[in-house]
Amino acid sequence: MLLVVGKELKPRPACRMLIFRYIEGMNWLTKQEQFIICIVVGLLVTGLSVKYYRAAHPATTSSQPVKN
């Protein structure tokens, strides 16, 4: 996307593009805060993946009692 400045066309910064607009809210966070947010989101996605996998693939239950 191009940004009109005076009579010149200049490329628009990536954070201003519609595709990357979610990045714009992260610019005021420090690197450590961004890192922590990425870790938390990653763990949430992993947990949801495991939850849905277990729901789709239930454990097999045996009808015979366990012998000691």
PDB file of N, CA and C in Angstrom:
ATOM      1  N   MET A   1       0.844  -1.168   0.000  1.00  0.00           N
ATOM      2  CA  MET A   1       0.000   0.000   0.000  1.00  0.00           C
ATOM      3  C   MET A   1       0.891   1.234   0.000  1.00  0.00           C
ATOM      4  N   LEU A   2       0.406   2.257  -0.653  1.00  0.00           N
ATOM      5  CA  LEU A   2       1.186   3.479  -0.747  1.00  0.00           C
ATOM      6  C   LEU A   2       0.506   4.595   0.018  1.00  0.00           C
ATOM      7  N   LEU A   3       1.323   5.441   0.567  1.00  0.00           N
ATOM      8  CA  LEU A   3       0.857   6.579   1.346  1.00  0.00           C
ATOM      9  C   LEU A   3       1.209   7.837   0.565  1.00  0.00           C
ATOM     10  N   VAL A   4       0.234   8.699   0.345  1.00  0.00           N
ATOM     11  CA  VAL A   4       0.471   9.931  -0.407  1.00  0.00           C
ATOM     12  C   VAL A   4       0.978  10.989   0.560  1.00  0.00           C
ATOM     13  N   VAL A   5       2.183  11.474   0.310  1.00  0.00           N
ATOM     14  CA  VAL A   5       2.770  12.546   1.109  1.00  0.00           C
ATOM     15  C   VAL A   5       3.120  13.663   0.140  1.00  0.00           C
ATOM     16  N   GLY A   6       2.328  14.736   0.217  1.00  0.00           N
ATOM     17  CA  GLY A   6       2.523  15.820  -0.750  1.00  0.00           C
ATOM     18  C   GLY A   6       2.187  15.299  -2.132  1.00  0.00           C
ATOM     19  N   LYS A   7       3.157  15.321  -3.034  1.00  0.00           N
ATOM     20  CA  LYS A   7       2.961  14.787  -4.383  1.00  0.00           C
ATOM     21  C   LYS A   7       3.707  13.470  -4.562  1.00  0.00           C
ATOM     22  N   GLU A   8       4.313  12.985  -3.491  1.00  0.00           N
ATOM     23  CA  GLU A   8       5.092  11.757  -3.576  1.00  0.00           C
ATOM     24  C   GLU A   8       4.278  10.576  -3.039  1.00  0.00           C
ATOM     25  N   LEU A   9       4.563   9.415  -3.575  1.00  0.00           N
ATOM     26  CA  LEU A   9       3.989   8.177  -3.072  1.00  0.00           C
ATOM     27  C   LEU A   9       5.068   7.436  -2.293  1.00  0.00           C
ATOM     28  N   LYS A  10       4.816   7.198  -1.038  1.00  0.00           N
ATOM     29  CA  LYS A  10       5.779   6.489  -0.209  1.00  0.00           C
ATOM     30  C   LYS A  10       5.123   5.214   0.315  1.00  0.00           C
ATOM     31  N   PRO A  11       5.917   4.160   0.502  1.00  0.00           N
ATOM     32  CA  PRO A  11       5.329   2.933   1.050  1.00  0.00           C
ATOM     33  C   PRO A  11       4.811   3.176   2.457  1.00  0.00           C
ATOM     34  N   ARG A  12       3.666   2.610   2.744  1.00  0.00           N
ATOM     35  CA  ARG A  12       3.049   2.736   4.062  1.00  0.00           C
ATOM     36  C   ARG A  12       3.752   1.783   5.019  1.00  0.00           C
ATOM     37  N   PRO A  13       4.000   2.196   6.267  1.00  0.00           N
ATOM     38  CA  PRO A  13       4.625   1.281   7.232  1.00  0.00           C
ATOM     39  C   PRO A  13       3.777   0.029   7.426  1.00  0.00           C
ATOM     40  N   ALA A  14       4.436  -1.091   7.684  1.00  0.00           N
ATOM     41  CA  ALA A  14       3.751  -2.378   7.794  1.00  0.00           C
ATOM     42  C   ALA A  14       2.685  -2.374   8.876  1.00  0.00           C
ATOM     43  N   CYS A  15       2.922  -1.678   9.994  1.00  0.00           N
ATOM     44  CA  CYS A  15       1.945  -1.683  11.085  1.00  0.00           C
ATOM     45  C   CYS A  15       0.694  -0.896  10.731  1.00  0.00           C
ATOM     46  N   ARG A  16       0.718  -0.121   9.679  1.00  0.00           N
ATOM     47  CA  ARG A  16      -0.459   0.633   9.249  1.00  0.00           C
ATOM     48  C   ARG A  16      -1.299  -0.144   8.238  1.00  0.00           C
ATOM     49  N   MET A  17      -0.761  -1.230   7.678  1.00  0.00           N
ATOM     50  CA  MET A  17      -1.520  -2.035   6.733  1.00  0.00           C
ATOM     51  C   MET A  17      -2.611  -2.790   7.474  1.00  0.00           C
ATOM     52  N   LEU A  18      -3.706  -3.057   6.800  1.00  0.00           N
ATOM     53  CA  LEU A  18      -4.819  -3.748   7.426  1.00  0.00           C
ATOM     54  C   LEU A  18      -4.435  -5.147   7.897  1.00  0.00           C
ATOM     55  N   ILE A  19      -3.574  -5.811   7.154  1.00  0.00           N
ATOM     56  CA  ILE A  19      -3.173  -7.171   7.513  1.00  0.00           C
ATOM     57  C   ILE A  19      -2.416  -7.175   8.843  1.00  0.00           C
ATOM     58  N   PHE A  20      -1.605  -6.154   9.081  1.00  0.00           N
ATOM     59  CA  PHE A  20      -0.744  -6.119  10.256  1.00  0.00           C
ATOM     60  C   PHE A  20      -1.254  -5.187  11.346  1.00  0.00           C
ATOM     61  N   ARG A  21      -2.523  -4.826  11.332  1.00  0.00           N
ATOM     62  CA  ARG A  21      -3.004  -3.843  12.299  1.00  0.00           C
ATOM     63  C   ARG A  21      -2.982  -4.363  13.733  1.00  0.00           C
ATOM     64  N   TYR A  22      -2.989  -5.697  13.931  1.00  0.00           N
ATOM     65  CA  TYR A  22      -2.927  -6.229  15.284  1.00  0.00           C
ATOM     66  C   TYR A  22      -1.571  -5.996  15.928  1.00  0.00           C
ATOM     67  N   ILE A  23      -0.546  -5.794  15.147  1.00  0.00           N
ATOM     68  CA  ILE A  23       0.801  -5.551  15.678  1.00  0.00           C
ATOM     69  C   ILE A  23       0.886  -4.158  16.287  1.00  0.00           C
ATOM     70  N   GLU A  24       0.082  -3.241  15.790  1.00  0.00           N
ATOM     71  CA  GLU A  24       0.162  -1.852  16.227  1.00  0.00           C
ATOM     72  C   GLU A  24      -0.072  -1.707  17.725  1.00  0.00           C
ATOM     73  N   GLY A  25      -0.932  -2.521  18.311  1.00  0.00           N
ATOM     74  CA  GLY A  25      -1.192  -2.460  19.743  1.00  0.00           C
ATOM     75  C   GLY A  25      -0.046  -2.979  20.576  1.00  0.00           C
ATOM     76  N   MET A  26       0.864  -3.725  19.985  1.00  0.00           N
ATOM     77  CA  MET A  26       1.989  -4.286  20.718  1.00  0.00           C
ATOM     78  C   MET A  26       3.177  -3.327  20.773  1.00  0.00           C
ATOM     79  N   ASN A  27       3.152  -2.261  20.015  1.00  0.00           N
ATOM     80  CA  ASN A  27       4.311  -1.367  19.930  1.00  0.00           C
ATOM     81  C   ASN A  27       4.630  -0.670  21.245  1.00  0.00           C
ATOM     82  N   TRP A  28       3.661  -0.454  22.111  1.00  0.00           N
ATOM     83  CA  TRP A  28       3.930   0.262  23.350  1.00  0.00           C
ATOM     84  C   TRP A  28       4.361  -0.674  24.473  1.00  0.00           C
ATOM     85  N   LEU A  29       4.365  -1.995  24.241  1.00  0.00           N
ATOM     86  CA  LEU A  29       4.827  -2.955  25.249  1.00  0.00           C
ATOM     87  C   LEU A  29       6.336  -3.135  25.136  1.00  0.00           C
ATOM     88  N   THR A  30       6.966  -3.468  26.265  1.00  0.00           N
ATOM     89  CA  THR A  30       8.402  -3.757  26.237  1.00  0.00           C
ATOM     90  C   THR A  30       8.616  -5.137  25.643  1.00  0.00           C
ATOM     91  N   LYS A  31       9.852  -5.447  25.319  1.00  0.00           N
ATOM     92  CA  LYS A  31      10.181  -6.754  24.736  1.00  0.00           C
ATOM     93  C   LYS A  31       9.849  -7.883  25.709  1.00  0.00           C
ATOM     94  N   GLN A  32      10.095  -7.675  27.004  1.00  0.00           N
ATOM     95  CA  GLN A  32       9.781  -8.705  27.990  1.00  0.00           C
ATOM     96  C   GLN A  32       8.278  -8.954  28.064  1.00  0.00           C
ATOM     97  N   GLU A  33       7.479  -7.891  28.019  1.00  0.00           N
ATOM     98  CA  GLU A  33       6.021  -8.039  28.062  1.00  0.00           C
ATOM     99  C   GLU A  33       5.501  -8.746  26.815  1.00  0.00           C
ATOM    100  N   GLN A  34       6.067  -8.409  25.664  1.00  0.00           N
ATOM    101  CA  GLN A  34       5.679  -9.087  24.434  1.00  0.00           C
ATOM    102  C   GLN A  34       6.032 -10.569  24.501  1.00  0.00           C
ATOM    103  N   PHE A  35       7.191 -10.871  25.060  1.00  0.00           N
ATOM    104  CA  PHE A  35       7.632 -12.261  25.195  1.00  0.00           C
ATOM    105  C   PHE A  35       6.678 -13.044  26.096  1.00  0.00           C
ATOM    106  N   ILE A  36       6.311 -12.465  27.228  1.00  0.00           N
ATOM    107  CA  ILE A  36       5.396 -13.131  28.164  1.00  0.00           C
ATOM    108  C   ILE A  36       4.040 -13.359  27.510  1.00  0.00           C
ATOM    109  N   ILE A  37       3.536 -12.375  26.777  1.00  0.00           N
ATOM    110  CA  ILE A  37       2.255 -12.533  26.095  1.00  0.00           C
ATOM    111  C   ILE A  37       2.337 -13.652  25.057  1.00  0.00           C
ATOM    112  N   CYS A  38       3.432 -13.730  24.334  1.00  0.00           N
ATOM    113  CA  CYS A  38       3.602 -14.807  23.345  1.00  0.00           C
ATOM    114  C   CYS A  38       3.641 -16.171  24.020  1.00  0.00           C
ATOM    115  N   ILE A  39       4.313 -16.273  25.165  1.00  0.00           N
ATOM    116  CA  ILE A  39       4.371 -17.541  25.893  1.00  0.00           C
ATOM    117  C   ILE A  39       2.977 -17.934  26.376  1.00  0.00           C
ATOM    118  N   VAL A  40       2.249 -16.999  26.946  1.00  0.00           N
ATOM    119  CA  VAL A  40       0.901 -17.287  27.463  1.00  0.00           C
ATOM    120  C   VAL A  40      -0.027 -17.714  26.330  1.00  0.00           C
ATOM    121  N   VAL A  41       0.004 -16.995  25.217  1.00  0.00           N
ATOM    122  CA  VAL A  41      -0.846 -17.359  24.084  1.00  0.00           C
ATOM    123  C   VAL A  41      -0.445 -18.731  23.539  1.00  0.00           C
ATOM    124  N   GLY A  42       0.844 -19.010  23.471  1.00  0.00           N
ATOM    125  CA  GLY A  42       1.312 -20.317  23.017  1.00  0.00           C
ATOM    126  C   GLY A  42       0.837 -21.446  23.914  1.00  0.00           C
ATOM    127  N   LEU A  43       0.895 -21.233  25.227  1.00  0.00           N
ATOM    128  CA  LEU A  43       0.421 -22.255  26.158  1.00  0.00           C
ATOM    129  C   LEU A  43      -1.091 -22.445  26.056  1.00  0.00           C
ATOM    130  N   LEU A  44      -1.831 -21.362  25.872  1.00  0.00           N
ATOM    131  CA  LEU A  44      -3.279 -21.482  25.694  1.00  0.00           C
ATOM    132  C   LEU A  44      -3.631 -22.267  24.431  1.00  0.00           C
ATOM    133  N   VAL A  45      -2.941 -21.986  23.353  1.00  0.00           N
ATOM    134  CA  VAL A  45      -3.195 -22.701  22.095  1.00  0.00           C
ATOM    135  C   VAL A  45      -2.835 -24.179  22.249  1.00  0.00           C
ATOM    136  N   THR A  46      -1.725 -24.469  22.920  1.00  0.00           N
ATOM    137  CA  THR A  46      -1.341 -25.860  23.155  1.00  0.00           C
ATOM    138  C   THR A  46      -2.378 -26.572  24.005  1.00  0.00           C
ATOM    139  N   GLY A  47      -2.853 -25.928  25.065  1.00  0.00           N
ATOM    140  CA  GLY A  47      -3.862 -26.528  25.925  1.00  0.00           C
ATOM    141  C   GLY A  47      -5.164 -26.803  25.183  1.00  0.00           C
ATOM    142  N   LEU A  48      -5.589 -25.860  24.362  1.00  0.00           N
ATOM    143  CA  LEU A  48      -6.804 -26.076  23.577  1.00  0.00           C
ATOM    144  C   LEU A  48      -6.619 -27.194  22.558  1.00  0.00           C
ATOM    145  N   SER A  49      -5.429 -27.282  21.975  1.00  0.00           N
ATOM    146  CA  SER A  49      -5.155 -28.357  21.022  1.00  0.00           C
ATOM    147  C   SER A  49      -5.257 -29.719  21.697  1.00  0.00           C
ATOM    148  N   VAL A  50      -4.679 -29.846  22.867  1.00  0.00           N
ATOM    149  CA  VAL A  50      -4.738 -31.110  23.612  1.00  0.00           C
ATOM    150  C   VAL A  50      -6.181 -31.422  23.993  1.00  0.00           C
ATOM    151  N   LYS A  51      -6.920 -30.419  24.424  1.00  0.00           N
ATOM    152  CA  LYS A  51      -8.319 -30.613  24.814  1.00  0.00           C
ATOM    153  C   LYS A  51      -9.143 -31.150  23.641  1.00  0.00           C
ATOM    154  N   TYR A  52      -9.005 -30.530  22.478  1.00  0.00           N
ATOM    155  CA  TYR A  52      -9.778 -30.961  21.310  1.00  0.00           C
ATOM    156  C   TYR A  52      -9.300 -32.317  20.794  1.00  0.00           C
ATOM    157  N   TYR A  53      -8.009 -32.593  20.896  1.00  0.00           N
ATOM    158  CA  TYR A  53      -7.497 -33.900  20.475  1.00  0.00           C
ATOM    159  C   TYR A  53      -8.074 -34.998  21.365  1.00  0.00           C
ATOM    160  N   ARG A  54      -8.075 -34.776  22.660  1.00  0.00           N
ATOM    161  CA  ARG A  54      -8.619 -35.776  23.581  1.00  0.00           C
ATOM    162  C   ARG A  54     -10.116 -35.960  23.396  1.00  0.00           C
ATOM    163  N   ALA A  55     -10.821 -34.889  23.049  1.00  0.00           N
ATOM    164  CA  ALA A  55     -12.262 -35.013  22.801  1.00  0.00           C
ATOM    165  C   ALA A  55     -12.530 -35.810  21.527  1.00  0.00           C
ATOM    166  N   ALA A  56     -11.678 -35.643  20.528  1.00  0.00           N
ATOM    167  CA  ALA A  56     -11.872 -36.347  19.252  1.00  0.00           C
ATOM    168  C   ALA A  56     -11.366 -37.780  19.289  1.00  0.00           C
ATOM    169  N   HIS A  57     -10.426 -38.083  20.182  1.00  0.00           N
ATOM    170  CA  HIS A  57      -9.845 -39.416  20.291  1.00  0.00           C
ATOM    171  C   HIS A  57      -9.970 -39.900  21.734  1.00  0.00           C
ATOM    172  N   PRO A  58     -11.161 -40.345  22.132  1.00  0.00           N
ATOM    173  CA  PRO A  58     -11.332 -40.773  23.522  1.00  0.00           C
ATOM    174  C   PRO A  58     -10.494 -42.009  23.831  1.00  0.00           C
ATOM    175  N   ALA A  59     -10.105 -42.123  25.086  1.00  0.00           N
ATOM    176  CA  ALA A  59      -9.300 -43.269  25.516  1.00  0.00           C
ATOM    177  C   ALA A  59     -10.149 -44.526  25.427  1.00  0.00           C
ATOM    178  N   THR A  60      -9.509 -45.616  25.022  1.00  0.00           N
ATOM    179  CA  THR A  60     -10.246 -46.879  24.938  1.00  0.00           C
ATOM    180  C   THR A  60     -10.394 -47.454  26.337  1.00  0.00           C
ATOM    181  N   THR A  61     -11.587 -47.873  26.661  1.00  0.00           N
ATOM    182  CA  THR A  61     -11.825 -48.482  27.960  1.00  0.00           C
ATOM    183  C   THR A  61     -11.988 -49.982  27.773  1.00  0.00           C
ATOM    184  N   SER A  62     -11.314 -50.740  28.602  1.00  0.00           N
ATOM    185  CA  SER A  62     -11.421 -52.193  28.503  1.00  0.00           C
ATOM    186  C   SER A  62     -12.554 -52.670  29.405  1.00  0.00           C
ATOM    187  N   SER A  63     -13.241 -53.705  28.940  1.00  0.00           N
ATOM    188  CA  SER A  63     -14.351 -54.236  29.721  1.00  0.00           C
ATOM    189  C   SER A  63     -13.894 -55.293  30.726  1.00  0.00           C
ATOM    190  N   GLN A  64     -12.614 -55.658  30.675  1.00  0.00           N
ATOM    191  CA  GLN A  64     -12.090 -56.661  31.601  1.00  0.00           C
ATOM    192  C   GLN A  64     -11.394 -55.947  32.765  1.00  0.00           C
ATOM    193  N   PRO A  65     -11.590 -56.474  33.988  1.00  0.00           N
ATOM    194  CA  PRO A  65     -10.896 -55.867  35.139  1.00  0.00           C
ATOM    195  C   PRO A  65      -9.392 -56.109  35.062  1.00  0.00           C
ATOM    196  N   VAL A  66      -8.643 -55.225  35.681  1.00  0.00           N
ATOM    197  CA  VAL A  66      -7.195 -55.329  35.716  1.00  0.00           C
ATOM    198  C   VAL A  66      -6.803 -56.418  36.686  1.00  0.00           C
ATOM    199  N   LYS A  67      -5.915 -57.316  36.236  1.00  0.00           N
ATOM    200  CA  LYS A  67      -5.461 -58.420  37.098  1.00  0.00           C
ATOM    201  C   LYS A  67      -4.168 -58.025  37.791  1.00  0.00           C
ATOM    202  N   ASN A  68      -4.073 -58.339  39.056  1.00  0.00           N
ATOM    203  CA  ASN A  68      -2.866 -58.031  39.812  1.00  0.00           C
ATOM    204  C   ASN A  68      -1.906 -59.181  39.817  1.00  0.00           C
TER     205      ASN A  68
END
